[in-house]
N, C-alpha and C. Protein backbone atom coordinates (compact mmCIF):
# COMPACT_ATOMS: atom_id res chain seq x y z
N GLY A 1 59.00 111.49 112.31
CA GLY A 1 60.09 110.57 112.90
C GLY A 1 61.04 110.24 111.80
N GLY A 2 61.91 109.31 112.15
CA GLY A 2 62.90 108.78 111.24
C GLY A 2 64.08 109.60 110.89
N GLY A 3 64.20 110.85 111.45
CA GLY A 3 65.37 111.64 111.22
C GLY A 3 65.58 112.30 109.90
N GLY A 4 64.72 111.89 108.93
CA GLY A 4 64.79 112.53 107.64
C GLY A 4 65.99 112.32 106.79
N MET A 5 66.87 111.32 107.11
CA MET A 5 67.97 111.09 106.34
C MET A 5 67.63 110.17 105.11
N ARG A 6 68.17 110.43 104.00
CA ARG A 6 67.84 109.61 102.72
C ARG A 6 69.17 109.57 101.97
N ALA A 7 69.29 108.71 101.07
CA ALA A 7 70.43 108.59 100.13
C ALA A 7 70.00 108.61 98.72
N LEU A 8 70.70 109.33 97.95
CA LEU A 8 70.52 109.32 96.48
C LEU A 8 71.69 108.54 95.92
N ILE A 9 71.36 107.57 94.92
CA ILE A 9 72.33 106.84 94.30
C ILE A 9 72.24 107.09 92.72
N ALA A 10 73.48 107.34 92.15
CA ALA A 10 73.57 107.66 90.65
C ALA A 10 74.56 106.76 90.03
N GLU A 11 74.40 106.24 88.90
CA GLU A 11 75.35 105.56 88.10
C GLU A 11 75.70 106.31 86.90
N VAL A 12 76.97 106.54 86.64
CA VAL A 12 77.44 107.26 85.52
C VAL A 12 78.47 106.39 84.65
N SER A 13 78.18 106.40 83.36
CA SER A 13 79.11 105.74 82.44
C SER A 13 80.11 106.71 81.94
N VAL A 14 81.44 106.33 82.16
CA VAL A 14 82.50 107.20 81.74
C VAL A 14 83.34 106.65 80.67
N ASP A 15 83.42 107.30 79.54
CA ASP A 15 84.39 106.89 78.42
C ASP A 15 85.68 107.31 78.67
N CYS A 16 86.72 106.44 78.53
CA CYS A 16 88.09 106.71 78.89
C CYS A 16 89.09 106.27 77.80
N LEU A 17 90.24 106.81 77.67
CA LEU A 17 91.34 106.35 77.00
C LEU A 17 92.32 105.89 78.03
N GLU A 18 92.68 104.48 78.00
CA GLU A 18 93.54 104.08 79.06
C GLU A 18 94.85 103.49 78.40
N SER A 19 95.89 103.49 79.12
CA SER A 19 97.12 102.81 78.76
C SER A 19 97.67 102.13 80.06
N LEU A 20 98.02 100.87 79.91
CA LEU A 20 98.55 100.20 80.96
C LEU A 20 99.69 99.17 80.56
N GLN A 21 100.78 99.35 81.20
CA GLN A 21 101.89 98.35 81.01
C GLN A 21 102.41 97.92 82.24
N VAL A 22 102.67 96.62 82.36
CA VAL A 22 103.29 96.04 83.62
C VAL A 22 104.56 95.33 83.16
N TYR A 23 105.60 95.72 83.75
CA TYR A 23 106.94 95.23 83.38
C TYR A 23 107.57 94.45 84.53
N ASN A 24 108.39 93.34 84.14
CA ASN A 24 109.16 92.56 85.17
C ASN A 24 110.24 93.51 85.59
N ALA A 25 110.32 93.70 86.96
CA ALA A 25 111.36 94.70 87.37
C ALA A 25 112.79 94.28 87.27
N GLU A 26 112.90 92.88 87.21
CA GLU A 26 114.29 92.37 87.03
C GLU A 26 114.74 92.35 85.53
N THR A 27 113.82 91.75 84.66
CA THR A 27 114.21 91.59 83.26
C THR A 27 113.80 92.78 82.42
N GLY A 28 112.83 93.58 82.81
CA GLY A 28 112.33 94.62 81.91
C GLY A 28 111.32 94.12 80.85
N GLU A 29 110.97 92.91 81.06
CA GLU A 29 110.03 92.22 80.04
C GLU A 29 108.59 92.78 80.29
N LEU A 30 107.87 93.14 79.13
CA LEU A 30 106.56 93.57 79.17
C LEU A 30 105.67 92.34 79.50
N ILE A 31 105.04 92.40 80.76
CA ILE A 31 104.09 91.27 81.07
C ILE A 31 102.67 91.47 80.71
N GLN A 32 102.11 92.72 80.77
CA GLN A 32 100.82 92.95 80.38
C GLN A 32 100.69 94.33 79.79
N GLY A 33 99.91 94.48 78.85
CA GLY A 33 99.61 95.76 78.11
C GLY A 33 100.40 95.66 76.80
N SER A 34 100.51 96.83 76.14
CA SER A 34 101.16 96.88 74.80
C SER A 34 101.70 98.34 74.56
N VAL A 35 102.66 98.33 73.63
CA VAL A 35 103.43 99.48 73.29
C VAL A 35 103.50 99.63 71.78
N ASP A 36 103.64 100.76 71.23
CA ASP A 36 103.80 100.97 69.75
C ASP A 36 105.22 100.64 69.48
N GLU A 37 105.55 100.72 68.16
CA GLU A 37 106.93 100.36 67.77
C GLU A 37 107.99 101.28 68.29
N ASP A 38 107.61 102.50 68.60
CA ASP A 38 108.55 103.53 69.15
C ASP A 38 108.65 103.37 70.73
N GLY A 39 107.80 102.38 71.32
CA GLY A 39 107.92 102.16 72.76
C GLY A 39 106.93 103.02 73.63
N THR A 40 106.07 103.83 72.92
CA THR A 40 105.05 104.57 73.67
C THR A 40 103.90 103.69 74.00
N ALA A 41 103.20 103.91 75.00
CA ALA A 41 102.06 103.11 75.43
C ALA A 41 100.93 103.28 74.40
N LYS A 42 100.32 102.07 74.07
CA LYS A 42 99.15 102.15 73.23
C LYS A 42 97.98 102.49 74.13
N GLU A 43 97.04 103.27 73.62
CA GLU A 43 95.80 103.74 74.35
C GLU A 43 94.58 102.78 73.89
N LYS A 44 93.78 102.48 74.79
CA LYS A 44 92.67 101.57 74.46
C LYS A 44 91.41 102.33 74.95
N GLU A 45 90.35 102.40 74.09
CA GLU A 45 89.01 103.09 74.50
C GLU A 45 88.35 101.96 75.47
N VAL A 46 87.98 102.51 76.66
CA VAL A 46 87.26 101.62 77.56
C VAL A 46 86.04 102.48 78.16
N GLN A 47 85.12 101.79 78.77
CA GLN A 47 84.02 102.38 79.35
C GLN A 47 83.99 101.90 80.85
N HIS A 48 83.82 102.78 81.77
CA HIS A 48 83.76 102.48 83.21
C HIS A 48 82.41 102.82 83.75
N LEU A 49 81.82 102.05 84.72
CA LEU A 49 80.65 102.41 85.34
C LEU A 49 80.98 102.92 86.82
N VAL A 50 80.60 104.09 87.11
CA VAL A 50 80.93 104.68 88.47
C VAL A 50 79.66 104.86 89.18
N ARG A 51 79.51 104.24 90.41
CA ARG A 51 78.18 104.40 91.23
C ARG A 51 78.62 105.36 92.29
N MET A 52 77.79 106.38 92.54
CA MET A 52 77.98 107.39 93.59
C MET A 52 76.76 107.54 94.43
N GLU A 53 76.99 108.01 95.68
CA GLU A 53 75.93 108.14 96.68
C GLU A 53 76.11 109.57 97.31
N MET A 54 74.95 110.19 97.64
CA MET A 54 74.93 111.41 98.38
C MET A 54 73.81 111.31 99.49
N ALA A 55 74.22 111.67 100.66
CA ALA A 55 73.24 111.59 101.77
C ALA A 55 72.47 112.91 101.84
N THR A 56 71.21 112.96 102.04
CA THR A 56 70.44 114.19 102.17
C THR A 56 69.81 114.15 103.51
N SER A 57 69.48 115.34 104.03
CA SER A 57 68.70 115.32 105.30
C SER A 57 67.58 116.36 105.18
N ARG A 58 66.68 116.24 106.15
CA ARG A 58 65.52 117.23 106.08
C ARG A 58 66.00 118.61 106.34
N GLY A 59 65.62 119.47 105.53
CA GLY A 59 66.01 120.99 105.67
C GLY A 59 64.77 121.75 106.21
N PRO A 60 64.95 123.09 106.26
CA PRO A 60 63.97 123.93 106.74
C PRO A 60 62.72 124.05 105.76
N GLU A 61 61.56 124.05 106.35
CA GLU A 61 60.38 124.27 105.49
C GLU A 61 60.13 123.07 104.60
N GLY A 62 60.60 121.88 104.97
CA GLY A 62 60.24 120.70 104.21
C GLY A 62 61.16 120.35 103.06
N GLY A 63 62.15 121.16 102.84
CA GLY A 63 63.16 121.05 101.75
C GLY A 63 64.25 120.04 102.11
N ARG A 64 65.12 119.74 101.27
CA ARG A 64 66.29 118.80 101.47
C ARG A 64 67.62 119.52 101.55
N LEU A 65 68.48 119.10 102.50
CA LEU A 65 69.83 119.58 102.37
C LEU A 65 70.66 118.56 101.76
N LEU A 66 71.45 118.92 100.85
CA LEU A 66 72.21 118.06 100.02
C LEU A 66 73.65 117.86 100.64
N GLY A 67 74.12 116.65 100.65
CA GLY A 67 75.53 116.37 100.97
C GLY A 67 76.46 116.39 99.85
N SER A 68 77.54 115.78 99.96
CA SER A 68 78.55 115.59 98.86
C SER A 68 78.53 114.26 98.24
N TRP A 69 78.66 114.19 96.85
CA TRP A 69 78.73 112.85 96.20
C TRP A 69 80.00 112.06 96.64
N GLN A 70 79.88 110.83 96.86
CA GLN A 70 80.95 109.93 97.11
C GLN A 70 80.91 108.77 96.21
N VAL A 71 82.08 108.36 95.68
CA VAL A 71 82.14 107.10 94.84
C VAL A 71 81.99 105.96 95.72
N ILE A 72 81.12 105.04 95.44
CA ILE A 72 80.91 103.85 96.28
C ILE A 72 81.20 102.57 95.49
N ASP A 73 81.39 102.63 94.20
CA ASP A 73 81.72 101.46 93.47
C ASP A 73 82.08 101.81 92.04
N ILE A 74 83.03 101.11 91.49
CA ILE A 74 83.45 101.24 90.11
C ILE A 74 83.50 99.93 89.44
N ASP A 75 82.72 99.94 88.25
CA ASP A 75 82.77 98.71 87.35
C ASP A 75 82.04 97.54 88.06
N ASP A 76 81.08 97.90 89.01
CA ASP A 76 80.24 96.84 89.77
C ASP A 76 81.08 95.89 90.48
N MET A 77 82.22 96.29 91.00
CA MET A 77 83.12 95.41 91.81
C MET A 77 82.38 94.85 93.04
N LEU A 78 81.37 95.58 93.47
CA LEU A 78 80.60 95.04 94.67
C LEU A 78 79.36 94.31 94.20
N GLU A 79 79.28 94.02 92.93
CA GLU A 79 78.22 93.10 92.30
C GLU A 79 76.88 93.66 92.73
N GLY A 80 76.55 94.92 92.67
CA GLY A 80 75.25 95.45 92.92
C GLY A 80 74.90 95.66 94.34
N ASN A 81 75.86 95.43 95.33
CA ASN A 81 75.52 95.58 96.75
C ASN A 81 75.81 97.06 97.01
N VAL A 82 74.76 97.91 96.84
CA VAL A 82 74.90 99.29 97.09
C VAL A 82 75.03 99.64 98.58
N TRP A 83 74.75 98.60 99.46
CA TRP A 83 74.80 98.84 100.84
C TRP A 83 76.21 98.38 101.38
N HIS A 84 76.98 97.82 100.54
CA HIS A 84 78.21 97.16 100.85
C HIS A 84 78.22 96.42 102.18
């Protein structure tokens, strides 16, 4: 019984180089982020935590049929609630 559906959950730590600038559209003033002397965006090393889920189902002869991975959370924005 039970239909044989199961979920796999994996967390992956991803190292990134990010650049972010937010400007006031009216004044052109830099509100958030930073730039080099030549006006190019400064990059910052950051780490993100990505939580993914894959549904599986019962396959032939007792094996498992795998689904596709889906991103279900980034940087624990759901505060550990994997069932949202």
